[in-house]
Amino acid sequence: MNLKKPEVLRVCRTKAQAKKAYDRISRFYDYFAEVSEKKHRDRALKLLDIKKGEVVLEIGFGTGHCLMEMAKSVGEDGNVYGIDISSGMLEISKQRLKKAGLLDRVELYCEDALKMPYEDEKFDAVFMSFTLELFDTPEIPKVLAKIKRVLKPKGRLGVVSMSREDGKSLLLRLYEWAHKKFPQYVDCRPIYVAESIKDAGFEIKHREKVKLSGLPGEIVIAVKPSKSVVVT
């Protein structure tokens, strides 16, 4: 007997509220996020296996740590693009890249990723670290469709996200309660990561479960099929 999975919670704050919140915390974000996020985003980047000369995109680049690693990986002949809703995060990332001497390899853009400003089949790889779960539930398939459009055939997608697969976790249920009770402060929530990516028409190549300060998470590496129908 197949039991229906619980629905993913909605994101109630507006994009304007999200931008304002991340602008406000951009200077302090690393103090509370680095401990829980660094290990898993580094692992996902390693699995994504970005190569010299590639053209890659990060959605929701935050304070720019992954942009730096991606810029090192693509080398002088490659290019890195980043899109983030927060102008505060963009400025922090720009300063970090400039200090490392890597800014000339990176092009940053402040915008909602649902307005994906890039041409079809531009990127060899797209990376999202703790970003997909920030989109409202109806937006998740839309942003994945946008990603699929801008990826080259056989292009790779790497995602690190909170996961709802472990629905029995007490900590997860407490987190979801906090999300419902204080949506302006606990803005993200666990989602069905691999299932959402597969439903968007990607081929799952790697999937592993991780723990995010005790909460369930997933790292998923997927590939855009060489022959696929692009939905915009």
C-alpha atoms as a PDB file:
ATOM      1  CA  MET A   1       0.000   0.000   0.000  1.00  0.00           C
ATOM      2  CA  ASN A   2       1.456   3.365  -1.090  1.00  0.00           C
ATOM      3  CA  LEU A   3       0.904   6.158   1.390  1.00  0.00           C
ATOM      4  CA  LYS A   4       0.726   9.685   0.073  1.00  0.00           C
ATOM      5  CA  LYS A   5       3.715  11.788   1.101  1.00  0.00           C
ATOM      6  CA  PRO A   6       3.019  14.852   3.238  1.00  0.00           C
ATOM      7  CA  GLU A   7       2.898  18.043   1.200  1.00  0.00           C
ATOM      8  CA  VAL A   8       5.817  20.440   1.240  1.00  0.00           C
ATOM      9  CA  LEU A   9       5.064  23.591   3.223  1.00  0.00           C
ATOM     10  CA  ARG A  10       4.639  26.893   1.415  1.00  0.00           C
ATOM     11  CA  VAL A  11       6.986  29.884   1.656  1.00  0.00           C
ATOM     12  CA  CYS A  12       4.920  32.802   2.913  1.00  0.00           C
ATOM     13  CA  ARG A  13       7.320  35.739   2.799  1.00  0.00           C
ATOM     14  CA  THR A  14       7.456  37.845  -0.368  1.00  0.00           C
ATOM     15  CA  LYS A  15      10.510  38.271  -2.596  1.00  0.00           C
ATOM     16  CA  ALA A  16      10.821  41.859  -1.351  1.00  0.00           C
ATOM     17  CA  GLN A  17      10.867  40.590   2.239  1.00  0.00           C
ATOM     18  CA  ALA A  18      13.470  37.955   1.328  1.00  0.00           C
ATOM     19  CA  LYS A  19      15.708  40.533  -0.352  1.00  0.00           C
ATOM     20  CA  LYS A  20      15.442  42.880   2.628  1.00  0.00           C
ATOM     21  CA  ALA A  21      16.216  40.084   5.105  1.00  0.00           C
ATOM     22  CA  TYR A  22      19.287  38.809   3.242  1.00  0.00           C
ATOM     23  CA  ASP A  23      20.555  42.327   2.623  1.00  0.00           C
ATOM     24  CA  ARG A  24      20.317  42.894   6.379  1.00  0.00           C
ATOM     25  CA  ILE A  25      22.202  39.747   7.402  1.00  0.00           C
ATOM     26  CA  SER A  26      24.740  39.643   4.547  1.00  0.00           C
ATOM     27  CA  ARG A  27      27.603  40.985   6.672  1.00  0.00           C
ATOM     28  CA  PHE A  28      26.951  38.450   9.428  1.00  0.00           C
ATOM     29  CA  TYR A  29      25.765  35.454   7.393  1.00  0.00           C
ATOM     30  CA  ASP A  30      29.029  33.529   7.566  1.00  0.00           C
ATOM     31  CA  TYR A  31      29.076  33.562  11.370  1.00  0.00           C
ATOM     32  CA  PHE A  32      26.069  31.241  11.621  1.00  0.00           C
ATOM     33  CA  ALA A  33      25.992  29.542   8.208  1.00  0.00           C
ATOM     34  CA  GLU A  34      29.608  28.464   7.687  1.00  0.00           C
ATOM     35  CA  VAL A  35      29.518  25.828  10.423  1.00  0.00           C
ATOM     36  CA  SER A  36      26.459  24.012   9.080  1.00  0.00           C
ATOM     37  CA  GLU A  37      26.871  24.562   5.329  1.00  0.00           C
ATOM     38  CA  LYS A  38      30.566  24.471   4.371  1.00  0.00           C
ATOM     39  CA  LYS A  39      31.148  20.712   4.638  1.00  0.00           C
ATOM     40  CA  HIS A  40      28.183  19.834   2.442  1.00  0.00           C
ATOM     41  CA  ARG A  41      28.601  22.503  -0.208  1.00  0.00           C
ATOM     42  CA  ASP A  42      32.292  21.531  -0.565  1.00  0.00           C
ATOM     43  CA  ARG A  43      31.270  17.905  -0.994  1.00  0.00           C
ATOM     44  CA  ALA A  44      28.661  18.826  -3.614  1.00  0.00           C
ATOM     45  CA  LEU A  45      31.144  20.955  -5.562  1.00  0.00           C
ATOM     46  CA  LYS A  46      33.611  18.073  -5.583  1.00  0.00           C
ATOM     47  CA  LEU A  47      30.923  15.751  -6.946  1.00  0.00           C
ATOM     48  CA  LEU A  48      29.878  18.326  -9.575  1.00  0.00           C
ATOM     49  CA  ASP A  49      33.480  18.109 -10.854  1.00  0.00           C
ATOM     50  CA  ILE A  50      33.823  21.500 -12.524  1.00  0.00           C
ATOM     51  CA  LYS A  51      36.618  21.484 -15.098  1.00  0.00           C
ATOM     52  CA  LYS A  52      38.959  24.044 -16.612  1.00  0.00           C
ATOM     53  CA  GLY A  53      37.428  26.054 -19.431  1.00  0.00           C
ATOM     54  CA  GLU A  54      33.818  25.408 -18.423  1.00  0.00           C
ATOM     55  CA  VAL A  55      31.074  28.008 -18.144  1.00  0.00           C
ATOM     56  CA  VAL A  56      29.139  27.562 -14.898  1.00  0.00           C
ATOM     57  CA  LEU A  57      26.388  29.276 -12.913  1.00  0.00           C
ATOM     58  CA  GLU A  58      25.637  29.476  -9.203  1.00  0.00           C
ATOM     59  CA  ILE A  59      22.086  30.371  -8.137  1.00  0.00           C
ATOM     60  CA  GLY A  60      21.880  31.945  -4.686  1.00  0.00           C
ATOM     61  CA  PHE A  61      25.620  32.495  -4.274  1.00  0.00           C
ATOM     62  CA  GLY A  62      25.352  34.142  -0.859  1.00  0.00           C
ATOM     63  CA  THR A  63      28.693  35.428   0.403  1.00  0.00           C
ATOM     64  CA  GLY A  64      30.665  33.971  -2.506  1.00  0.00           C
ATOM     65  CA  HIS A  65      32.636  31.058  -1.052  1.00  0.00           C
ATOM     66  CA  CYS A  66      31.515  28.641  -3.765  1.00  0.00           C
ATOM     67  CA  LEU A  67      31.983  31.260  -6.486  1.00  0.00           C
ATOM     68  CA  MET A  68      35.654  31.429  -5.471  1.00  0.00           C
ATOM     69  CA  GLU A  69      36.106  27.665  -5.708  1.00  0.00           C
ATOM     70  CA  MET A  70      34.288  27.548  -9.037  1.00  0.00           C
ATOM     71  CA  ALA A  71      36.444  30.388 -10.404  1.00  0.00           C
ATOM     72  CA  LYS A  72      39.578  28.468  -9.412  1.00  0.00           C
ATOM     73  CA  SER A  73      38.231  25.298 -11.042  1.00  0.00           C
ATOM     74  CA  VAL A  74      37.356  26.846 -14.437  1.00  0.00           C
ATOM     75  CA  GLY A  75      40.725  28.576 -14.697  1.00  0.00           C
ATOM     76  CA  GLU A  76      41.585  31.518 -16.918  1.00  0.00           C
ATOM     77  CA  ASP A  77      39.749  30.069 -19.928  1.00  0.00           C
ATOM     78  CA  GLY A  78      36.446  29.478 -18.116  1.00  0.00           C
ATOM     79  CA  ASN A  79      33.736  31.747 -16.784  1.00  0.00           C
ATOM     80  CA  VAL A  80      31.564  31.776 -13.678  1.00  0.00           C
ATOM     81  CA  TYR A  81      28.188  33.487 -13.409  1.00  0.00           C
ATOM     82  CA  GLY A  82      26.206  34.114 -10.258  1.00  0.00           C
ATOM     83  CA  ILE A  83      22.644  35.243  -9.617  1.00  0.00           C
ATOM     84  CA  ASP A  84      21.270  36.190  -6.187  1.00  0.00           C
ATOM     85  CA  ILE A  85      18.267  38.199  -5.031  1.00  0.00           C
ATOM     86  CA  SER A  86      20.303  40.108  -2.442  1.00  0.00           C
ATOM     87  CA  SER A  87      22.411  43.134  -3.389  1.00  0.00           C
ATOM     88  CA  GLY A  88      24.059  42.886   0.037  1.00  0.00           C
ATOM     89  CA  MET A  89      25.247  39.354  -0.711  1.00  0.00           C
ATOM     90  CA  LEU A  90      26.463  40.500  -4.117  1.00  0.00           C
ATOM     91  CA  GLU A  91      28.651  43.203  -2.592  1.00  0.00           C
ATOM     92  CA  ILE A  92      30.173  40.805  -0.043  1.00  0.00           C
ATOM     93  CA  SER A  93      30.887  38.272  -2.808  1.00  0.00           C
ATOM     94  CA  LYS A  94      32.378  40.921  -5.066  1.00  0.00           C
ATOM     95  CA  GLN A  95      34.756  42.045  -2.330  1.00  0.00           C
ATOM     96  CA  ARG A  96      35.783  38.453  -1.619  1.00  0.00           C
ATOM     97  CA  LEU A  97      36.467  37.688  -5.293  1.00  0.00           C
ATOM     98  CA  LYS A  98      38.370  40.950  -5.802  1.00  0.00           C
ATOM     99  CA  LYS A  99      40.589  40.238  -2.796  1.00  0.00           C
ATOM    100  CA  ALA A 100      41.357  36.770  -4.204  1.00  0.00           C
ATOM    101  CA  GLY A 101      42.141  38.175  -7.660  1.00  0.00           C
ATOM    102  CA  LEU A 102      39.337  36.200  -9.275  1.00  0.00           C
ATOM    103  CA  LEU A 103      36.757  38.884 -10.056  1.00  0.00           C
ATOM    104  CA  ASP A 104      37.673  38.998 -13.751  1.00  0.00           C
ATOM    105  CA  ARG A 105      36.418  35.399 -14.148  1.00  0.00           C
ATOM    106  CA  VAL A 106      33.039  36.029 -12.502  1.00  0.00           C
ATOM    107  CA  GLU A 107      29.939  37.940 -13.602  1.00  0.00           C
ATOM    108  CA  LEU A 108      27.403  38.651 -10.839  1.00  0.00           C
ATOM    109  CA  TYR A 109      23.760  39.586 -11.266  1.00  0.00           C
ATOM    110  CA  CYS A 110      21.218  40.710  -8.651  1.00  0.00           C
ATOM    111  CA  GLU A 111      17.838  39.229  -9.563  1.00  0.00           C
ATOM    112  CA  ASP A 112      15.272  36.531  -8.816  1.00  0.00           C
ATOM    113  CA  ALA A 113      16.429  33.323 -10.537  1.00  0.00           C
ATOM    114  CA  LEU A 114      12.884  32.834 -11.868  1.00  0.00           C
ATOM    115  CA  LYS A 115      13.741  35.695 -14.242  1.00  0.00           C
ATOM    116  CA  MET A 116      16.728  33.716 -15.526  1.00  0.00           C
ATOM    117  CA  PRO A 117      18.498  36.253 -17.787  1.00  0.00           C
ATOM    118  CA  TYR A 118      20.757  33.798 -19.634  1.00  0.00           C
ATOM    119  CA  GLU A 119      20.453  32.337 -23.114  1.00  0.00           C
ATOM    120  CA  ASP A 120      19.571  28.719 -23.879  1.00  0.00           C
ATOM    121  CA  GLU A 121      22.244  26.039 -23.424  1.00  0.00           C
ATOM    122  CA  LYS A 122      24.868  28.454 -22.079  1.00  0.00           C
ATOM    123  CA  PHE A 123      26.208  26.502 -19.090  1.00  0.00           C
ATOM    124  CA  ASP A 124      28.145  23.292 -18.571  1.00  0.00           C
ATOM    125  CA  ALA A 125      27.017  23.139 -14.938  1.00  0.00           C
ATOM    126  CA  VAL A 126      24.637  24.875 -12.513  1.00  0.00           C
ATOM    127  CA  PHE A 127      25.063  24.806  -8.741  1.00  0.00           C
ATOM    128  CA  MET A 128      22.595  25.557  -5.927  1.00  0.00           C
ATOM    129  CA  SER A 129      23.584  25.337  -2.278  1.00  0.00           C
ATOM    130  CA  PHE A 130      20.815  25.808   0.315  1.00  0.00           C
ATOM    131  CA  THR A 131      18.783  27.792  -2.225  1.00  0.00           C
ATOM    132  CA  LEU A 132      16.201  25.513  -3.866  1.00  0.00           C
ATOM    133  CA  GLU A 133      14.296  25.198  -0.569  1.00  0.00           C
ATOM    134  CA  LEU A 134      13.932  28.998  -0.426  1.00  0.00           C
ATOM    135  CA  PHE A 135      11.594  29.010  -3.430  1.00  0.00           C
ATOM    136  CA  ASP A 136       7.858  28.661  -2.807  1.00  0.00           C
ATOM    137  CA  THR A 137       6.483  25.201  -3.596  1.00  0.00           C
ATOM    138  CA  PRO A 138       4.881  26.098  -6.976  1.00  0.00           C
ATOM    139  CA  GLU A 139       8.105  27.894  -7.965  1.00  0.00           C
ATOM    140  CA  ILE A 140      10.400  24.875  -7.565  1.00  0.00           C
ATOM    141  CA  PRO A 141       9.442  23.154 -10.858  1.00  0.00           C
ATOM    142  CA  LYS A 142       9.568  26.538 -12.597  1.00  0.00           C
ATOM    143  CA  VAL A 143      13.110  27.359 -11.492  1.00  0.00           C
ATOM    144  CA  LEU A 144      14.244  23.821 -12.361  1.00  0.00           C
ATOM    145  CA  ALA A 145      12.749  24.284 -15.833  1.00  0.00           C
ATOM    146  CA  LYS A 146      14.699  27.531 -16.191  1.00  0.00           C
ATOM    147  CA  ILE A 147      17.876  25.731 -15.167  1.00  0.00           C
ATOM    148  CA  LYS A 148      17.205  22.995 -17.687  1.00  0.00           C
ATOM    149  CA  ARG A 149      16.788  25.613 -20.413  1.00  0.00           C
ATOM    150  CA  VAL A 150      20.163  27.272 -19.763  1.00  0.00           C
ATOM    151  CA  LEU A 151      22.103  24.021 -19.387  1.00  0.00           C
ATOM    152  CA  LYS A 152      23.840  22.462 -22.358  1.00  0.00           C
ATOM    153  CA  PRO A 153      22.818  18.900 -23.331  1.00  0.00           C
ATOM    154  CA  LYS A 154      24.449  16.610 -20.760  1.00  0.00           C
ATOM    155  CA  GLY A 155      25.009  19.676 -18.569  1.00  0.00           C
ATOM    156  CA  ARG A 156      25.222  18.991 -14.839  1.00  0.00           C
ATOM    157  CA  LEU A 157      23.130  20.231 -11.949  1.00  0.00           C
ATOM    158  CA  GLY A 158      24.360  20.092  -8.363  1.00  0.00           C
ATOM    159  CA  VAL A 159      21.981  20.775  -5.468  1.00  0.00           C
ATOM    160  CA  VAL A 160      22.441  20.781  -1.699  1.00  0.00           C
ATOM    161  CA  SER A 161      19.191  21.222   0.202  1.00  0.00           C
ATOM    162  CA  MET A 162      17.205  20.477   3.311  1.00  0.00           C
ATOM    163  CA  SER A 163      15.212  17.304   2.679  1.00  0.00           C
ATOM    164  CA  ARG A 164      11.743  16.142   3.653  1.00  0.00           C
ATOM    165  CA  GLU A 165      12.446  12.497   2.849  1.00  0.00           C
ATOM    166  CA  ASP A 166      13.115  11.719   6.517  1.00  0.00           C
ATOM    167  CA  GLY A 167       9.637  12.690   7.657  1.00  0.00           C
ATOM    168  CA  LYS A 168       9.977  10.850  10.963  1.00  0.00           C
ATOM    169  CA  SER A 169      12.662  13.173  12.297  1.00  0.00           C
ATOM    170  CA  LEU A 170      11.490  14.970  15.435  1.00  0.00           C
ATOM    171  CA  LEU A 171      13.852  17.856  14.706  1.00  0.00           C
ATOM    172  CA  LEU A 172      12.388  18.172  11.207  1.00  0.00           C
ATOM    173  CA  ARG A 173       8.854  18.341  12.594  1.00  0.00           C
ATOM    174  CA  LEU A 174       9.935  20.996  15.120  1.00  0.00           C
ATOM    175  CA  TYR A 175      11.598  22.972  12.331  1.00  0.00           C
ATOM    176  CA  GLU A 176       8.450  22.815  10.194  1.00  0.00           C
ATOM    177  CA  TRP A 177       6.402  23.983  13.189  1.00  0.00           C
ATOM    178  CA  ALA A 178       8.738  26.972  13.541  1.00  0.00           C
ATOM    179  CA  HIS A 179       8.427  27.673   9.805  1.00  0.00           C
ATOM    180  CA  LYS A 180       4.633  27.773  10.078  1.00  0.00           C
ATOM    181  CA  LYS A 181       4.698  29.801  13.300  1.00  0.00           C
ATOM    182  CA  PHE A 182       7.416  32.310  12.320  1.00  0.00           C
ATOM    183  CA  PRO A 183       7.527  32.350   8.480  1.00  0.00           C
ATOM    184  CA  GLN A 184       9.314  35.702   8.322  1.00  0.00           C
ATOM    185  CA  TYR A 185      12.284  34.355  10.284  1.00  0.00           C
ATOM    186  CA  VAL A 186      12.358  30.646   9.369  1.00  0.00           C
ATOM    187  CA  ASP A 187      11.860  31.206   5.657  1.00  0.00           C
ATOM    188  CA  CYS A 188      13.135  27.954   4.144  1.00  0.00           C
ATOM    189  CA  ARG A 189      11.758  24.462   4.770  1.00  0.00           C
ATOM    190  CA  PRO A 190      12.561  20.856   3.817  1.00  0.00           C
ATOM    191  CA  ILE A 191      11.574  19.747   0.307  1.00  0.00           C
ATOM    192  CA  TYR A 192      11.609  16.532  -1.752  1.00  0.00           C
ATOM    193  CA  VAL A 193      14.934  17.242  -3.428  1.00  0.00           C
ATOM    194  CA  ALA A 194      15.712  14.321  -5.757  1.00  0.00           C
ATOM    195  CA  GLU A 195      12.036  13.799  -6.578  1.00  0.00           C
ATOM    196  CA  SER A 196      11.637  17.437  -7.662  1.00  0.00           C
ATOM    197  CA  ILE A 197      14.757  17.279  -9.833  1.00  0.00           C
ATOM    198  CA  LYS A 198      13.691  13.998 -11.429  1.00  0.00           C
ATOM    199  CA  ASP A 199      10.184  15.329 -12.086  1.00  0.00           C
ATOM    200  CA  ALA A 200      11.781  18.273 -13.913  1.00  0.00           C
ATOM    201  CA  GLY A 201      13.263  15.837 -16.444  1.00  0.00           C
ATOM    202  CA  PHE A 202      16.814  15.448 -15.142  1.00  0.00           C
ATOM    203  CA  GLU A 203      18.667  12.158 -14.800  1.00  0.00           C
ATOM    204  CA  ILE A 204      19.855  11.590 -11.229  1.00  0.00           C
ATOM    205  CA  LYS A 205      23.505  10.508 -11.240  1.00  0.00           C
ATOM    206  CA  HIS A 206      24.295  10.723  -7.535  1.00  0.00           C
ATOM    207  CA  ARG A 207      22.267  11.152  -4.380  1.00  0.00           C
ATOM    208  CA  GLU A 208      23.361  11.065  -0.773  1.00  0.00           C
ATOM    209  CA  LYS A 209      21.756  11.916   2.540  1.00  0.00           C
ATOM    210  CA  VAL A 210      23.477  14.342   4.895  1.00  0.00           C
ATOM    211  CA  LYS A 211      22.781  15.947   8.255  1.00  0.00           C
ATOM    212  CA  LEU A 212      22.495  19.724   8.548  1.00  0.00           C
ATOM    213  CA  SER A 213      22.913  20.508  12.241  1.00  0.00           C
ATOM    214  CA  GLY A 214      20.778  17.443  12.891  1.00  0.00           C
ATOM    215  CA  LEU A 215      18.232  18.178  10.165  1.00  0.00           C
ATOM    216  CA  PRO A 216      17.973  15.847   7.148  1.00  0.00           C
ATOM    217  CA  GLY A 217      19.490  17.057   3.889  1.00  0.00           C
ATOM    218  CA  GLU A 218      20.452  15.770   0.454  1.00  0.00           C
ATOM    219  CA  ILE A 219      23.186  16.259  -2.096  1.00  0.00           C
ATOM    220  CA  VAL A 220      21.965  15.519  -5.612  1.00  0.00           C
ATOM    221  CA  ILE A 221      23.965  15.553  -8.846  1.00  0.00           C
ATOM    222  CA  ALA A 222      21.861  15.314 -12.003  1.00  0.00           C
ATOM    223  CA  VAL A 223      22.313  15.623 -15.760  1.00  0.00           C
ATOM    224  CA  LYS A 224      20.171  17.208 -18.450  1.00  0.00           C
ATOM    225  CA  PRO A 225      19.450  14.533 -21.077  1.00  0.00           C
ATOM    226  CA  SER A 226      20.963  15.149 -24.500  1.00  0.00           C
ATOM    227  CA  LYS A 227      17.487  15.028 -26.013  1.00  0.00           C
ATOM    228  CA  SER A 228      14.871  16.745 -23.896  1.00  0.00           C
ATOM    229  CA  VAL A 229      11.826  18.945 -24.138  1.00  0.00           C
ATOM    230  CA  VAL A 230      12.572  22.361 -22.629  1.00  0.00           C
ATOM    231  CA  VAL A 231       9.732  23.987 -20.704  1.00  0.00           C
ATOM    232  CA  THR A 232       9.904  27.779 -20.194  1.00  0.00           C
END
